[in-house]
Amino acid sequence: MNDAKKTVRKIRVEKTERIVLPKARIQYCDGCRGESIFISVEQATLNFGISFREIFRLVERKIIHFHENSQGLMFVCAASIAGLPKESAIIRKDI
């Protein structure tokens, strides 16, 4: 008989992502109720992989927080985008 013991090894892998956001603004976010990083819509599409159209749709639904500057340019709260569940019904990339 073979009485050899089986050894089980568990390996845990942790992944950390760093996103560089040039020209980001730190300001108070009413939705987060604290300071947050606000980025342009262009930066949001590049860094988070969400289309322009979907960002505006989520802003209108009050899911993504935003701020407009004095020139009327919209900046979105990076924390509210980062908090979206990935691969969910909220983000529809096919549209």
Protein backbone atom coordinates (compact mmCIF):
# COMPACT_ATOMS: atom_id res chain seq x y z
CA MET A 1 0.00 0.00 0.00
CA ASN A 2 1.04 3.52 -0.72
CA ASP A 3 0.70 5.66 2.42
CA ALA A 4 2.27 8.78 0.94
CA LYS A 5 0.92 12.06 2.28
CA LYS A 6 -0.41 14.62 -0.10
CA THR A 7 0.87 18.13 0.34
CA VAL A 8 -1.43 21.00 -0.52
CA ARG A 9 0.09 24.38 -1.26
CA LYS A 10 -1.98 27.51 -1.38
CA ILE A 11 -0.70 30.46 -3.32
CA ARG A 12 -2.28 33.88 -2.98
CA VAL A 13 -1.66 36.46 -5.67
CA GLU A 14 -2.45 40.10 -5.08
CA LYS A 15 -2.60 42.64 -7.85
CA THR A 16 -2.35 46.38 -7.44
CA GLU A 17 -3.17 48.75 -10.27
CA ARG A 18 -1.85 52.26 -10.50
CA ILE A 19 -3.54 54.71 -12.80
CA VAL A 20 -1.73 57.94 -13.64
CA LEU A 21 -4.14 60.81 -14.12
CA PRO A 22 -2.45 63.89 -15.60
CA LYS A 23 -4.15 67.22 -14.97
CA ALA A 24 -6.42 65.71 -12.35
CA ARG A 25 -8.11 68.06 -9.91
CA ILE A 26 -8.69 67.34 -6.27
CA GLN A 27 -11.83 68.95 -4.96
CA TYR A 28 -14.83 68.30 -2.78
CA CYS A 29 -17.33 65.81 -4.21
CA ASP A 30 -20.93 66.19 -3.03
CA GLY A 31 -21.71 62.58 -3.97
CA CYS A 32 -18.73 61.12 -2.07
CA ARG A 33 -19.03 63.71 0.72
CA GLY A 34 -15.31 64.31 0.74
CA GLU A 35 -12.33 65.24 -1.39
CA SER A 36 -11.99 63.30 -4.60
CA ILE A 37 -10.00 63.32 -7.81
CA PHE A 38 -11.86 64.79 -10.78
CA ILE A 39 -10.72 63.92 -14.28
CA SER A 40 -11.83 64.90 -17.77
CA VAL A 41 -14.28 62.72 -19.64
CA GLU A 42 -11.47 61.89 -22.10
CA GLN A 43 -9.23 60.66 -19.27
CA ALA A 44 -12.09 58.60 -17.86
CA THR A 45 -12.68 56.84 -21.17
CA LEU A 46 -8.98 56.03 -21.56
CA ASN A 47 -8.35 54.92 -17.98
CA PHE A 48 -11.57 53.09 -17.20
CA GLY A 49 -12.62 51.78 -20.62
CA ILE A 50 -16.08 53.34 -20.60
CA SER A 51 -17.42 55.08 -23.71
CA PHE A 52 -18.21 58.81 -23.79
CA ARG A 53 -21.87 58.04 -24.29
CA GLU A 54 -21.99 55.70 -21.31
CA ILE A 55 -20.24 58.22 -19.05
CA PHE A 56 -22.84 60.88 -19.90
CA ARG A 57 -25.64 58.34 -19.41
CA LEU A 58 -24.28 57.42 -15.96
CA VAL A 59 -23.90 61.11 -15.04
CA GLU A 60 -27.55 61.73 -15.98
CA ARG A 61 -28.57 58.76 -13.81
CA LYS A 62 -26.51 60.26 -10.94
CA ILE A 63 -24.31 57.16 -10.75
CA ILE A 64 -21.12 59.04 -11.68
CA HIS A 65 -20.50 62.31 -9.83
CA PHE A 66 -19.40 65.34 -11.85
CA HIS A 67 -18.39 68.98 -11.72
CA GLU A 68 -18.42 71.65 -14.43
CA ASN A 69 -15.78 74.38 -14.50
CA SER A 70 -16.40 78.02 -15.42
CA GLN A 71 -15.84 77.23 -19.12
CA GLY A 72 -18.56 74.56 -19.04
CA LEU A 73 -16.16 71.60 -19.26
CA MET A 74 -17.27 68.53 -17.34
CA PHE A 75 -14.99 66.64 -14.98
CA VAL A 76 -16.03 63.34 -13.42
CA CYS A 77 -15.24 61.89 -10.01
CA ALA A 78 -12.69 59.09 -10.42
CA ALA A 79 -13.83 57.45 -7.17
CA SER A 80 -17.41 57.14 -8.39
CA ILE A 81 -16.20 55.49 -11.60
CA ALA A 82 -13.75 53.20 -9.80
CA GLY A 83 -16.58 52.08 -7.51
CA LEU A 84 -18.69 50.79 -10.40
CA PRO A 85 -18.99 47.01 -10.51
CA LYS A 86 -17.02 45.65 -13.45
CA GLU A 87 -18.90 43.67 -16.10
CA SER A 88 -22.25 44.77 -14.69
CA ALA A 89 -25.47 45.89 -16.29
CA ILE A 90 -24.62 49.46 -15.26
CA ILE A 91 -21.82 49.68 -17.81
CA ARG A 92 -22.94 48.65 -21.26
CA LYS A 93 -19.86 48.72 -23.46
CA ASP A 94 -21.71 47.42 -26.49
CA ILE A 95 -23.62 50.68 -26.98
